[in-house]
Every structure is written in C-alpha cells, then in structure tokens.
Amino acid sequence: MTELEALRDRHSVRKYQDRPLDESAVKALKDEISKLNREGDLNMQLVLNERKAFKGFLSYGSFSNVSNYIMIVGKKSESLEYRAGYYGEKLVLFAQSIGLNTCFVGLTYKKIDGAFAVGSDEKIVLCVAIGYGEADGYRTHKIKRPDQVSNVTPDSPEWFKEGVEAALLAPTAINQQKFYFEYIPQDKVKPIKGSSLAGYTKIDLGIAMYNFEIGAGRDNFHWEDSPL
C-alpha cells in the first residue's frame, strides 16, 4: 500500500476487536517508531495490552476495547506540537499500510503510571489508539472547500491542488481544519496555523502538512517558513 492509498483508506476507528496485535505488526511498529523518533526528535512509545487508559471512561466517540496505544511524547519546544502531528500522522499511515486501524486522541484517556515514560524536560502531546477495528470506522468528512484552506485558483499547479485535497483528508480536532496553505511563486508553499478556542491547531497543521506532502509530491515544492 502506498502512502497515498493509506491516506485515502484510513478511517478514525474507536471500536476495536478484543485481540492482541500480531507479533509481526508489533515488530514493524517498534522499528518504525524508533526511526521516526530519530527523524523527529520525539519519544513516541508503543503501549501494549494496557486496558486501564480507556476502560470505564466516557470518552469522545465511545472508545471500546482499546488495549494498545501510542503515546507521543517529546522535549518541550516551540516546534514540538507541529512535529508530533507531522510524525504522528506518518506513523498512523504506516500502521494503516500494515493492516491496523488508529485514532488520534487528545484528552479523553487516562494517563496510567508506569505504562510509559515522560522525562522532566518532556511533555505528552497526543495519544493514538491502535488495533484491529471492529468495522471500517469513521472518516472525517471534509467540511471546507480547497479555497477556504488555501489560495488555490484554477491556474494553480496541479500538484498544489492535489496537495490541498490531501490536506483536507487530514484528521483534525473536532473537524476544525484550522490550517492554510499559501502558494508562493517558484514552487514554494507557506503553511499557516489558524486559531481556535479548542486548541490543537499546531498539531493539526503538522498532520495536514504531512498529508499535503503526500498529495503534492515532495519533489514538486519546498516549504517556506516551515514550523517543523
């Protein structure tokens, strides 16, 4: 499965089968997490067979049978939340490509002592539920038009149009899609964070940036003032 296929196929899944992850999937995930932690200067951690974080918790989307999840942790910095979104999305799409389902989770889970480690100079940014979904899950519908999240016009390069379309498939907090991509001549794109009372806009922009890269093709442009 290509990244673009994974991006289009991925759904946010909140109800999972009551089964452990296959050994091959665990190894693949751990290897990918190690690689992405090095690339993104993060401390993402896979938590296996831990049922307390979501058990008995009245959480958004009615999660059930979540016993595996990924904690996205990193050293405190201005770019941390952007990187958490960007590399978190990269990991989520990798999981999709090996037959797993996922869902980004903001606040609606319990932090279980001993399940993962957070250094004194680190913070938890995000959690990702992961496993085998009971059903296809829920795909966030696009709630904005391309021209609402970019300066796209009929004369824009095709790669820019495709990048914006891919960004609109990115999961964002409460479907807010508070991001903007500005095309600049000579094949440059400026990613711009919106504002929201709900927060999470830095994470959302990081996720959308990764999707944009997949849709546009990384060789077709370069970022202007990247927050990563």
Protein backbone atom coordinates (compact mmCIF):
# COMPACT_ATOMS: atom_id res chain seq x y z
CA MET A 1 0.00 0.00 0.00
CA THR A 2 1.38 3.40 -0.97
CA GLU A 3 1.22 6.40 1.35
CA LEU A 4 -1.45 7.97 -0.85
CA GLU A 5 -3.54 4.79 -0.72
CA ALA A 6 -3.13 4.63 3.06
CA LEU A 7 -4.15 8.30 3.34
CA ARG A 8 -7.31 7.72 1.33
CA ASP A 9 -8.20 4.44 3.05
CA ARG A 10 -7.60 5.48 6.64
CA HIS A 11 -10.58 5.98 8.93
CA SER A 12 -10.66 7.06 12.56
CA VAL A 13 -11.59 3.88 14.43
CA ARG A 14 -12.83 3.93 18.03
CA LYS A 15 -14.16 0.39 18.43
CA TYR A 16 -11.63 -2.43 18.32
CA GLN A 17 -11.59 -6.21 18.32
CA ASP A 18 -10.57 -7.79 21.61
CA ARG A 19 -7.32 -9.28 20.34
CA PRO A 20 -3.61 -8.56 20.77
CA LEU A 21 -1.50 -7.15 17.97
CA ASP A 22 0.24 -9.76 15.85
CA GLU A 23 3.94 -10.19 16.62
CA SER A 24 4.90 -9.11 13.13
CA ALA A 25 2.85 -5.92 13.49
CA VAL A 26 4.44 -5.15 16.87
CA LYS A 27 7.94 -5.56 15.44
CA ALA A 28 7.12 -3.39 12.41
CA LEU A 29 5.61 -0.69 14.63
CA LYS A 30 8.55 -0.66 17.03
CA ASP A 31 11.01 -0.39 14.16
CA GLU A 32 9.04 2.46 12.58
CA ILE A 33 8.67 4.27 15.90
CA SER A 34 12.42 4.08 16.50
CA LYS A 35 13.10 5.50 13.05
CA LEU A 36 10.57 8.33 13.38
CA ASN A 37 11.76 9.20 16.89
CA ARG A 38 15.22 9.78 15.44
CA GLU A 39 13.89 11.77 12.48
CA GLY A 40 11.52 13.91 14.53
CA ASP A 41 13.45 14.15 17.81
CA LEU A 42 10.48 12.61 19.65
CA ASN A 43 9.90 9.93 22.26
CA MET A 44 6.89 8.07 20.86
CA GLN A 45 6.17 4.88 22.81
CA LEU A 46 4.05 1.84 22.00
CA VAL A 47 1.97 0.62 24.94
CA LEU A 48 0.68 -2.94 24.61
CA ASN A 49 -2.08 -4.85 26.40
CA GLU A 50 -2.93 -1.98 28.76
CA ARG A 51 -6.68 -1.67 29.33
CA LYS A 52 -6.95 0.97 32.05
CA ALA A 53 -6.37 4.09 29.94
CA PHE A 54 -9.73 3.80 28.19
CA LYS A 55 -11.63 1.43 30.49
CA GLY A 56 -14.77 2.86 32.05
CA PHE A 57 -14.01 6.26 30.62
CA LEU A 58 -16.83 8.18 29.00
CA SER A 59 -14.74 9.45 26.11
CA TYR A 60 -15.49 11.27 22.89
CA GLY A 61 -16.53 8.80 20.22
CA SER A 62 -17.28 5.95 22.67
CA PHE A 63 -13.99 4.05 22.50
CA SER A 64 -14.19 0.32 23.21
CA ASN A 65 -11.64 -2.49 23.56
CA VAL A 66 -8.65 -0.15 23.36
CA SER A 67 -5.74 -2.08 24.88
CA ASN A 68 -2.93 -0.81 22.66
CA TYR A 69 -1.94 2.78 22.08
CA ILE A 70 0.97 5.05 21.19
CA MET A 71 1.97 7.93 23.41
CA ILE A 72 3.52 10.84 21.53
CA VAL A 73 5.98 12.47 23.90
CA GLY A 74 8.79 14.94 23.27
CA LYS A 75 11.07 17.57 24.73
CA LYS A 76 9.33 20.88 25.33
CA SER A 77 9.94 23.29 22.47
CA GLU A 78 8.12 25.67 20.11
CA SER A 79 8.09 23.05 17.36
CA LEU A 80 7.05 20.04 19.46
CA GLU A 81 3.33 20.06 18.68
CA TYR A 82 3.94 20.55 14.95
CA ARG A 83 6.39 17.63 14.92
CA ALA A 84 4.03 15.49 16.99
CA GLY A 85 1.31 15.97 14.39
CA TYR A 86 3.60 15.51 11.39
CA TYR A 87 5.39 12.37 12.58
CA GLY A 88 2.27 11.08 14.34
CA GLU A 89 0.44 11.15 11.01
CA LYS A 90 3.39 9.46 9.33
CA LEU A 91 3.19 6.67 11.92
CA VAL A 92 -0.59 6.40 11.65
CA LEU A 93 -0.41 5.99 7.87
CA PHE A 94 2.32 3.37 8.29
CA ALA A 95 0.02 1.50 10.67
CA GLN A 96 -2.75 1.66 8.07
CA SER A 97 -0.40 0.21 5.47
CA ILE A 98 0.23 -2.90 7.61
CA GLY A 99 -3.43 -3.56 8.31
CA LEU A 100 -4.00 -1.70 11.57
CA ASN A 101 -6.58 0.92 12.48
CA THR A 102 -5.98 4.04 14.54
CA CYS A 103 -7.49 7.14 16.08
CA PHE A 104 -5.83 10.31 17.38
CA VAL A 105 -6.92 11.04 20.95
CA GLY A 106 -6.48 14.40 22.67
CA LEU A 107 -7.71 14.40 26.27
CA THR A 108 -10.21 11.57 26.62
CA TYR A 109 -7.97 8.90 28.10
CA LYS A 110 -6.34 8.23 31.46
CA LYS A 111 -2.60 8.56 31.95
CA ILE A 112 -1.53 5.31 33.59
CA ASP A 113 1.55 5.41 35.81
CA GLY A 114 4.26 3.04 34.65
CA ALA A 115 2.75 2.42 31.21
CA PHE A 116 5.13 4.88 29.54
CA ALA A 117 7.89 7.29 30.48
CA VAL A 118 7.94 11.09 30.41
CA GLY A 119 11.18 12.89 31.24
CA SER A 120 11.35 16.03 33.35
CA ASP A 121 12.04 18.08 30.22
CA GLU A 122 9.32 16.34 28.19
CA LYS A 123 5.55 16.57 27.80
CA ILE A 124 2.78 14.36 26.50
CA VAL A 125 1.33 15.78 23.31
CA LEU A 126 -1.05 13.17 22.00
CA CYS A 127 -2.24 9.58 22.21
CA VAL A 128 -3.05 7.27 19.30
CA ALA A 129 -5.36 4.30 19.83
CA ILE A 130 -4.28 1.38 17.65
CA GLY A 131 -5.52 -2.13 16.88
CA TYR A 132 -7.87 -4.11 14.65
CA GLY A 133 -11.11 -2.26 14.14
CA GLU A 134 -14.48 -3.91 14.59
CA ALA A 135 -15.68 -2.10 11.47
CA ASP A 136 -14.41 0.35 8.88
CA GLY A 137 -14.67 3.19 11.36
CA TYR A 138 -15.49 6.80 10.76
CA ARG A 139 -13.90 9.03 8.16
CA THR A 140 -13.94 12.71 8.95
CA HIS A 141 -15.77 14.44 6.14
CA LYS A 142 -14.30 17.49 4.52
CA ILE A 143 -16.12 20.48 5.92
CA LYS A 144 -14.26 23.14 3.97
CA ARG A 145 -13.56 23.83 0.32
CA PRO A 146 -10.00 23.97 -1.06
CA ASP A 147 -10.29 27.75 -1.48
CA GLN A 148 -11.10 28.09 2.24
CA VAL A 149 -7.83 26.49 3.33
CA SER A 150 -5.54 27.79 0.57
CA ASN A 151 -5.08 30.42 -2.10
CA VAL A 152 -5.72 27.84 -4.82
CA THR A 153 -7.12 29.06 -8.14
CA PRO A 154 -7.96 27.30 -11.43
CA ASP A 155 -4.49 28.35 -12.64
CA SER A 156 -2.61 26.86 -9.67
CA PRO A 157 -0.18 24.00 -10.38
CA GLU A 158 -1.86 20.60 -10.33
CA TRP A 159 0.47 19.41 -7.60
CA PHE A 160 -0.69 22.28 -5.36
CA LYS A 161 -4.36 21.43 -5.95
CA GLU A 162 -3.69 17.77 -5.14
CA GLY A 163 -1.74 18.72 -2.04
CA VAL A 164 -4.63 20.81 -0.74
CA GLU A 165 -7.11 17.99 -1.42
CA ALA A 166 -4.90 15.58 0.52
CA ALA A 167 -4.60 18.07 3.40
CA LEU A 168 -8.40 18.23 3.62
CA LEU A 169 -8.42 14.49 4.37
CA ALA A 170 -6.26 15.04 7.45
CA PRO A 171 -7.88 14.33 10.82
CA THR A 172 -8.16 17.50 12.92
CA ALA A 173 -9.53 18.23 16.37
CA ILE A 174 -13.36 18.42 16.22
CA ASN A 175 -13.03 18.57 12.41
CA GLN A 176 -11.96 22.19 12.68
CA GLN A 177 -9.46 22.24 9.75
CA LYS A 178 -7.84 25.45 11.02
CA PHE A 179 -4.91 25.46 8.62
CA TYR A 180 -3.97 27.32 5.45
CA PHE A 181 -1.54 26.69 2.60
CA GLU A 182 -0.28 29.64 0.59
CA TYR A 183 1.24 29.02 -2.82
CA ILE A 184 4.24 31.25 -3.50
CA PRO A 185 5.80 31.52 -6.97
CA GLN A 186 8.84 29.38 -7.73
CA ASP A 187 7.20 26.31 -6.22
CA LYS A 188 7.14 27.34 -2.58
CA VAL A 189 4.32 26.72 -0.09
CA LYS A 190 3.85 28.51 3.21
CA PRO A 191 1.95 26.54 5.89
CA ILE A 192 -0.10 28.77 8.19
CA LYS A 193 -1.64 27.84 11.53
CA GLY A 194 -5.15 29.06 12.26
CA SER A 195 -6.57 29.91 15.67
CA SER A 196 -9.23 28.07 17.64
CA LEU A 197 -10.66 28.08 21.14
CA ALA A 198 -10.46 24.28 21.00
CA GLY A 199 -6.69 24.38 20.62
CA TYR A 200 -4.66 21.66 18.88
CA THR A 201 -4.05 23.87 15.83
CA LYS A 202 -0.28 23.29 15.87
CA ILE A 203 -0.82 19.53 15.90
CA ASP A 204 -3.46 19.83 13.18
CA LEU A 205 -1.14 21.83 10.94
CA GLY A 206 1.62 19.25 11.37
CA ILE A 207 -0.77 16.47 10.35
CA ALA A 208 -2.07 18.47 7.38
CA MET A 209 1.49 19.28 6.25
CA TYR A 210 2.34 15.59 6.03
CA ASN A 211 -0.81 14.91 4.03
CA PHE A 212 -0.05 17.86 1.76
CA GLU A 213 3.39 16.44 1.02
CA ILE A 214 1.90 13.10 0.01
CA GLY A 215 -0.70 14.64 -2.28
CA ALA A 216 1.59 17.25 -3.84
CA GLY A 217 4.68 15.09 -4.18
CA ARG A 218 7.69 16.08 -2.12
CA ASP A 219 9.88 16.78 -5.16
CA ASN A 220 7.47 19.38 -6.57
CA PHE A 221 7.90 22.10 -3.95
CA HIS A 222 9.63 23.17 -0.78
CA TRP A 223 8.23 24.69 2.41
CA GLU A 224 8.54 28.38 3.16
CA ASP A 225 8.89 29.15 6.89
CA SER A 226 8.22 25.57 7.99
CA PRO A 227 7.41 25.33 11.73
CA LEU A 228 8.83 21.82 11.97
